[in-house]
Amino acid sequence: MAKSWFALLAFTVASALLGVQAMGQTSGLTQPDLKAAFVGGTLTCSQPSQPEKLPIPESLAHRALLKARLATILRESLYDDSKGIVNAAREKEIKSLASKLAGKLKVPGMPSQ
């Protein structure tokens, strides 16, 4: 039992040391210019020349747009419902968007409609 505790302790210490070294390597890249901040010099923000672009599948982007539009018109519909306003065109759009999203939803083990 003493061997297992010693092995666990050694593993913990090694992990902690490796973690500190990894943190030092990554955080060392973005050190602020403290001298310029205290002396009163100008500070500049270093930004990459090209903004990072994340590739998103077109189907996922289209589904996200449908969800965003549906959430927006549902919120508007709830607001109007609280005031007693009925908007038939909006209700039709809600039904259309909901059916598009439900048609694209594929749940494993469920038969498609």
N, C-alpha and C. Protein backbone atom coordinates (compact mmCIF):
# COMPACT_ATOMS: atom_id res chain seq x y z
N MET A 1 0.83 -1.19 0.00
CA MET A 1 0.00 0.00 0.00
C MET A 1 0.87 1.26 0.00
N ALA A 2 1.99 1.20 0.68
CA ALA A 2 2.89 2.34 0.72
C ALA A 2 3.45 2.63 -0.67
N LYS A 3 3.68 1.56 -1.45
CA LYS A 3 4.20 1.75 -2.81
C LYS A 3 3.17 2.48 -3.68
N SER A 4 1.90 2.13 -3.53
CA SER A 4 0.88 2.77 -4.35
C SER A 4 0.72 4.25 -3.97
N TRP A 5 0.82 4.56 -2.67
CA TRP A 5 0.74 5.96 -2.24
C TRP A 5 1.94 6.75 -2.75
N PHE A 6 3.11 6.12 -2.71
CA PHE A 6 4.30 6.80 -3.20
C PHE A 6 4.21 7.03 -4.71
N ALA A 7 3.69 6.04 -5.44
CA ALA A 7 3.53 6.19 -6.90
C ALA A 7 2.52 7.29 -7.21
N LEU A 8 1.44 7.33 -6.45
CA LEU A 8 0.44 8.38 -6.64
C LEU A 8 1.01 9.75 -6.34
N LEU A 9 1.79 9.86 -5.27
CA LEU A 9 2.43 11.12 -4.92
C LEU A 9 3.41 11.56 -6.00
N ALA A 10 4.22 10.62 -6.49
CA ALA A 10 5.19 10.94 -7.54
C ALA A 10 4.48 11.39 -8.81
N PHE A 11 3.41 10.72 -9.16
CA PHE A 11 2.64 11.09 -10.35
C PHE A 11 2.03 12.48 -10.19
N THR A 12 1.51 12.79 -9.02
CA THR A 12 0.91 14.10 -8.76
C THR A 12 1.94 15.22 -8.86
N VAL A 13 3.10 15.00 -8.27
CA VAL A 13 4.16 16.01 -8.32
C VAL A 13 4.63 16.21 -9.76
N ALA A 14 4.81 15.13 -10.50
CA ALA A 14 5.26 15.23 -11.89
C ALA A 14 4.22 15.97 -12.74
N SER A 15 2.94 15.66 -12.53
CA SER A 15 1.88 16.34 -13.28
C SER A 15 1.85 17.83 -12.96
N ALA A 16 2.02 18.16 -11.70
CA ALA A 16 2.01 19.57 -11.31
C ALA A 16 3.18 20.31 -11.94
N LEU A 17 4.36 19.71 -11.93
CA LEU A 17 5.53 20.36 -12.53
C LEU A 17 5.36 20.53 -14.03
N LEU A 18 4.86 19.52 -14.70
CA LEU A 18 4.64 19.63 -16.15
C LEU A 18 3.57 20.66 -16.46
N GLY A 19 2.54 20.72 -15.63
CA GLY A 19 1.48 21.71 -15.84
C GLY A 19 1.98 23.13 -15.67
N VAL A 20 2.83 23.35 -14.68
CA VAL A 20 3.40 24.69 -14.46
C VAL A 20 4.30 25.07 -15.63
N GLN A 21 5.08 24.13 -16.14
CA GLN A 21 5.96 24.43 -17.27
C GLN A 21 5.12 24.76 -18.51
N ALA A 22 4.05 24.01 -18.73
CA ALA A 22 3.20 24.27 -19.89
C ALA A 22 2.53 25.64 -19.76
N MET A 23 2.08 25.99 -18.56
CA MET A 23 1.47 27.30 -18.35
C MET A 23 2.48 28.42 -18.58
N GLY A 24 3.69 28.21 -18.14
CA GLY A 24 4.73 29.21 -18.33
C GLY A 24 5.05 29.43 -19.79
N GLN A 25 5.01 28.37 -20.58
CA GLN A 25 5.31 28.50 -22.00
C GLN A 25 4.20 29.23 -22.73
N THR A 26 2.93 28.93 -22.41
CA THR A 26 1.83 29.58 -23.13
C THR A 26 1.59 30.99 -22.64
N SER A 27 1.69 31.22 -21.34
CA SER A 27 1.40 32.56 -20.84
C SER A 27 2.56 33.52 -21.09
N GLY A 28 3.75 33.02 -21.34
CA GLY A 28 4.90 33.87 -21.59
C GLY A 28 4.81 34.59 -22.92
N LEU A 29 3.95 34.13 -23.79
CA LEU A 29 3.85 34.74 -25.11
C LEU A 29 3.09 36.06 -25.08
N THR A 30 2.25 36.25 -24.11
CA THR A 30 1.40 37.43 -24.10
C THR A 30 1.65 38.29 -22.88
N GLN A 31 2.89 38.61 -22.60
CA GLN A 31 3.22 39.45 -21.45
C GLN A 31 2.92 40.92 -21.79
N PRO A 32 2.17 41.61 -20.95
CA PRO A 32 1.89 43.02 -21.22
C PRO A 32 3.14 43.87 -20.97
N ASP A 33 3.18 45.01 -21.59
CA ASP A 33 4.31 45.92 -21.43
C ASP A 33 4.04 46.80 -20.20
N LEU A 34 4.44 46.29 -19.03
CA LEU A 34 4.15 46.99 -17.78
C LEU A 34 4.95 48.27 -17.64
N LYS A 35 6.16 48.31 -18.18
CA LYS A 35 6.98 49.50 -18.08
C LYS A 35 6.29 50.67 -18.77
N ALA A 36 5.77 50.44 -19.96
CA ALA A 36 5.07 51.49 -20.70
C ALA A 36 3.80 51.92 -19.96
N ALA A 37 3.15 51.00 -19.27
CA ALA A 37 1.92 51.33 -18.56
C ALA A 37 2.19 52.25 -17.38
N PHE A 38 3.29 52.01 -16.65
CA PHE A 38 3.57 52.81 -15.47
C PHE A 38 4.30 54.11 -15.79
N VAL A 39 5.06 54.13 -16.86
CA VAL A 39 5.82 55.32 -17.22
C VAL A 39 4.93 56.31 -17.96
N GLY A 40 3.88 55.84 -18.58
CA GLY A 40 2.98 56.72 -19.30
C GLY A 40 3.14 56.65 -20.80
N GLY A 41 3.86 55.67 -21.29
CA GLY A 41 4.02 55.49 -22.73
C GLY A 41 2.73 54.95 -23.34
N THR A 42 2.68 54.95 -24.64
CA THR A 42 1.48 54.46 -25.33
C THR A 42 1.49 52.94 -25.36
N LEU A 43 0.35 52.37 -25.17
CA LEU A 43 0.19 50.93 -25.24
C LEU A 43 -0.44 50.58 -26.59
N THR A 44 0.00 49.53 -27.17
CA THR A 44 -0.57 49.08 -28.43
C THR A 44 -1.10 47.68 -28.26
N CYS A 45 -2.09 47.36 -29.02
CA CYS A 45 -2.69 46.04 -29.00
C CYS A 45 -2.16 45.28 -30.21
N SER A 46 -1.52 44.18 -29.96
CA SER A 46 -0.99 43.40 -31.08
C SER A 46 -2.06 42.41 -31.51
N GLN A 47 -2.51 42.56 -32.73
CA GLN A 47 -3.51 41.66 -33.30
C GLN A 47 -2.90 40.93 -34.48
N PRO A 48 -3.36 39.72 -34.71
CA PRO A 48 -2.83 39.00 -35.87
C PRO A 48 -3.22 39.71 -37.16
N SER A 49 -2.36 39.61 -38.17
CA SER A 49 -2.63 40.31 -39.42
C SER A 49 -3.87 39.75 -40.11
N GLN A 50 -4.09 38.47 -40.01
CA GLN A 50 -5.27 37.84 -40.60
C GLN A 50 -6.18 37.34 -39.47
N PRO A 51 -7.45 37.72 -39.48
CA PRO A 51 -8.35 37.18 -38.44
C PRO A 51 -8.54 35.68 -38.65
N GLU A 52 -8.72 34.98 -37.56
CA GLU A 52 -8.91 33.54 -37.65
C GLU A 52 -10.27 33.24 -38.25
N LYS A 53 -10.31 32.26 -39.12
CA LYS A 53 -11.56 31.84 -39.75
C LYS A 53 -11.82 30.39 -39.37
N LEU A 54 -13.03 30.14 -38.92
CA LEU A 54 -13.41 28.79 -38.57
C LEU A 54 -14.31 28.23 -39.67
N PRO A 55 -13.94 27.12 -40.27
CA PRO A 55 -14.80 26.55 -41.30
C PRO A 55 -16.04 25.92 -40.67
N ILE A 56 -17.19 26.32 -41.15
CA ILE A 56 -18.46 25.79 -40.65
C ILE A 56 -19.20 25.19 -41.83
N PRO A 57 -19.68 23.96 -41.70
CA PRO A 57 -20.42 23.35 -42.81
C PRO A 57 -21.65 24.20 -43.16
N GLU A 58 -21.94 24.26 -44.44
CA GLU A 58 -23.05 25.11 -44.90
C GLU A 58 -24.39 24.66 -44.32
N SER A 59 -24.57 23.35 -44.18
CA SER A 59 -25.83 22.86 -43.63
C SER A 59 -26.01 23.31 -42.18
N LEU A 60 -24.92 23.32 -41.43
CA LEU A 60 -24.98 23.75 -40.04
C LEU A 60 -25.27 25.25 -39.96
N ALA A 61 -24.66 26.02 -40.84
CA ALA A 61 -24.91 27.46 -40.86
C ALA A 61 -26.36 27.76 -41.22
N HIS A 62 -26.89 27.02 -42.19
CA HIS A 62 -28.28 27.23 -42.61
C HIS A 62 -29.24 26.89 -41.46
N ARG A 63 -28.95 25.80 -40.77
CA ARG A 63 -29.80 25.40 -39.63
C ARG A 63 -29.73 26.45 -38.52
N ALA A 64 -28.56 27.00 -38.28
CA ALA A 64 -28.41 28.03 -37.24
C ALA A 64 -29.19 29.29 -37.61
N LEU A 65 -29.18 29.64 -38.89
CA LEU A 65 -29.97 30.81 -39.32
C LEU A 65 -31.46 30.57 -39.13
N LEU A 66 -31.92 29.35 -39.44
CA LEU A 66 -33.33 29.02 -39.24
C LEU A 66 -33.69 29.11 -37.76
N LYS A 67 -32.84 28.58 -36.90
CA LYS A 67 -33.10 28.63 -35.46
C LYS A 67 -33.12 30.06 -34.94
N ALA A 68 -32.20 30.88 -35.42
CA ALA A 68 -32.15 32.28 -34.97
C ALA A 68 -33.39 33.02 -35.40
N ARG A 69 -33.82 32.82 -36.64
CA ARG A 69 -35.03 33.50 -37.13
C ARG A 69 -36.25 33.02 -36.35
N LEU A 70 -36.35 31.71 -36.11
CA LEU A 70 -37.48 31.17 -35.36
C LEU A 70 -37.51 31.73 -33.95
N ALA A 71 -36.37 31.81 -33.29
CA ALA A 71 -36.32 32.35 -31.93
C ALA A 71 -36.77 33.81 -31.92
N THR A 72 -36.35 34.57 -32.92
CA THR A 72 -36.71 35.98 -32.99
C THR A 72 -38.21 36.16 -33.17
N ILE A 73 -38.79 35.43 -34.11
CA ILE A 73 -40.23 35.64 -34.35
C ILE A 73 -41.07 35.03 -33.24
N LEU A 74 -40.58 34.00 -32.56
CA LEU A 74 -41.32 33.47 -31.41
C LEU A 74 -41.35 34.50 -30.28
N ARG A 75 -40.22 35.18 -30.07
CA ARG A 75 -40.18 36.23 -29.04
C ARG A 75 -41.14 37.35 -29.40
N GLU A 76 -41.12 37.78 -30.66
CA GLU A 76 -42.04 38.84 -31.10
C GLU A 76 -43.49 38.39 -30.95
N SER A 77 -43.76 37.13 -31.28
CA SER A 77 -45.12 36.60 -31.18
C SER A 77 -45.61 36.58 -29.73
N LEU A 78 -44.72 36.18 -28.81
CA LEU A 78 -45.10 36.18 -27.39
C LEU A 78 -45.39 37.60 -26.90
N TYR A 79 -44.59 38.53 -27.34
CA TYR A 79 -44.78 39.93 -26.95
C TYR A 79 -46.12 40.44 -27.47
N ASP A 80 -46.43 40.12 -28.74
CA ASP A 80 -47.71 40.56 -29.31
C ASP A 80 -48.88 39.83 -28.67
N ASP A 81 -48.72 38.54 -28.36
CA ASP A 81 -49.79 37.79 -27.71
C ASP A 81 -50.14 38.38 -26.36
N SER A 82 -49.14 38.88 -25.64
CA SER A 82 -49.41 39.47 -24.33
C SER A 82 -50.24 40.75 -24.46
N LYS A 83 -50.15 41.39 -25.63
CA LYS A 83 -50.93 42.61 -25.88
C LYS A 83 -52.24 42.31 -26.59
N GLY A 84 -52.47 41.03 -26.94
CA GLY A 84 -53.70 40.66 -27.62
C GLY A 84 -53.66 40.86 -29.13
N ILE A 85 -52.48 41.00 -29.70
CA ILE A 85 -52.32 41.20 -31.14
C ILE A 85 -52.08 39.85 -31.80
N VAL A 86 -52.80 39.60 -32.90
CA VAL A 86 -52.63 38.37 -33.65
C VAL A 86 -52.06 38.72 -35.02
N ASN A 87 -50.97 38.08 -35.37
CA ASN A 87 -50.33 38.30 -36.66
C ASN A 87 -50.33 36.97 -37.41
N ALA A 88 -51.25 36.80 -38.35
CA ALA A 88 -51.41 35.53 -39.05
C ALA A 88 -50.19 35.21 -39.91
N ALA A 89 -49.60 36.22 -40.53
CA ALA A 89 -48.42 35.98 -41.37
C ALA A 89 -47.26 35.46 -40.54
N ARG A 90 -47.09 36.01 -39.34
CA ARG A 90 -46.01 35.56 -38.47
C ARG A 90 -46.26 34.13 -38.01
N GLU A 91 -47.50 33.81 -37.67
CA GLU A 91 -47.83 32.45 -37.24
C GLU A 91 -47.56 31.45 -38.36
N LYS A 92 -47.82 31.86 -39.60
CA LYS A 92 -47.56 30.99 -40.74
C LYS A 92 -46.04 30.79 -40.91
N GLU A 93 -45.27 31.85 -40.71
CA GLU A 93 -43.81 31.75 -40.81
C GLU A 93 -43.25 30.87 -39.70
N ILE A 94 -43.81 30.98 -38.50
CA ILE A 94 -43.38 30.14 -37.38
C ILE A 94 -43.61 28.68 -37.72
N LYS A 95 -44.78 28.37 -38.25
CA LYS A 95 -45.12 26.99 -38.61
C LYS A 95 -44.17 26.48 -39.70
N SER A 96 -43.89 27.33 -40.68
CA SER A 96 -43.00 26.94 -41.77
C SER A 96 -41.58 26.67 -41.27
N LEU A 97 -41.05 27.57 -40.46
CA LEU A 97 -39.69 27.39 -39.93
C LEU A 97 -39.60 26.17 -39.02
N ALA A 98 -40.62 25.98 -38.19
CA ALA A 98 -40.62 24.83 -37.28
C ALA A 98 -40.66 23.52 -38.06
N SER A 99 -41.44 23.48 -39.14
CA SER A 99 -41.50 22.25 -39.93
C SER A 99 -40.18 22.00 -40.67
N LYS A 100 -39.51 23.08 -41.13
CA LYS A 100 -38.20 22.91 -41.77
C LYS A 100 -37.19 22.35 -40.79
N LEU A 101 -37.18 22.87 -39.56
CA LEU A 101 -36.24 22.38 -38.56
C LEU A 101 -36.57 20.95 -38.14
N ALA A 102 -37.85 20.65 -37.99
CA ALA A 102 -38.25 19.30 -37.59
C ALA A 102 -37.95 18.30 -38.70
N GLY A 103 -38.05 18.74 -39.94
CA GLY A 103 -37.75 17.84 -41.06
C GLY A 103 -36.29 17.50 -41.15
N LYS A 104 -35.43 18.41 -40.72
CA LYS A 104 -33.99 18.18 -40.77
C LYS A 104 -33.49 17.46 -39.52
N LEU A 105 -34.31 17.39 -38.48
CA LEU A 105 -33.91 16.74 -37.25
C LEU A 105 -33.96 15.23 -37.43
N LYS A 106 -32.86 14.58 -37.19
CA LYS A 106 -32.79 13.13 -37.32
C LYS A 106 -32.39 12.57 -35.96
N VAL A 107 -33.32 11.87 -35.33
CA VAL A 107 -33.08 11.27 -34.03
C VAL A 107 -32.82 9.79 -34.24
N PRO A 108 -31.70 9.27 -33.74
CA PRO A 108 -31.41 7.84 -33.91
C PRO A 108 -32.48 6.99 -33.25
N GLY A 109 -32.92 5.97 -33.96
CA GLY A 109 -33.90 5.04 -33.41
C GLY A 109 -35.33 5.47 -33.67
N MET A 110 -35.55 6.67 -34.19
CA MET A 110 -36.91 7.14 -34.47
C MET A 110 -37.16 7.04 -35.97
N PRO A 111 -38.33 6.55 -36.35
CA PRO A 111 -38.64 6.48 -37.78
C PRO A 111 -38.86 7.88 -38.34
N SER A 112 -38.39 8.12 -39.57
CA SER A 112 -38.58 9.43 -40.18
C SER A 112 -40.01 9.53 -40.69
N GLN A 113 -40.54 10.74 -40.70
CA GLN A 113 -41.94 10.96 -41.07
C GLN A 113 -42.07 11.14 -42.55
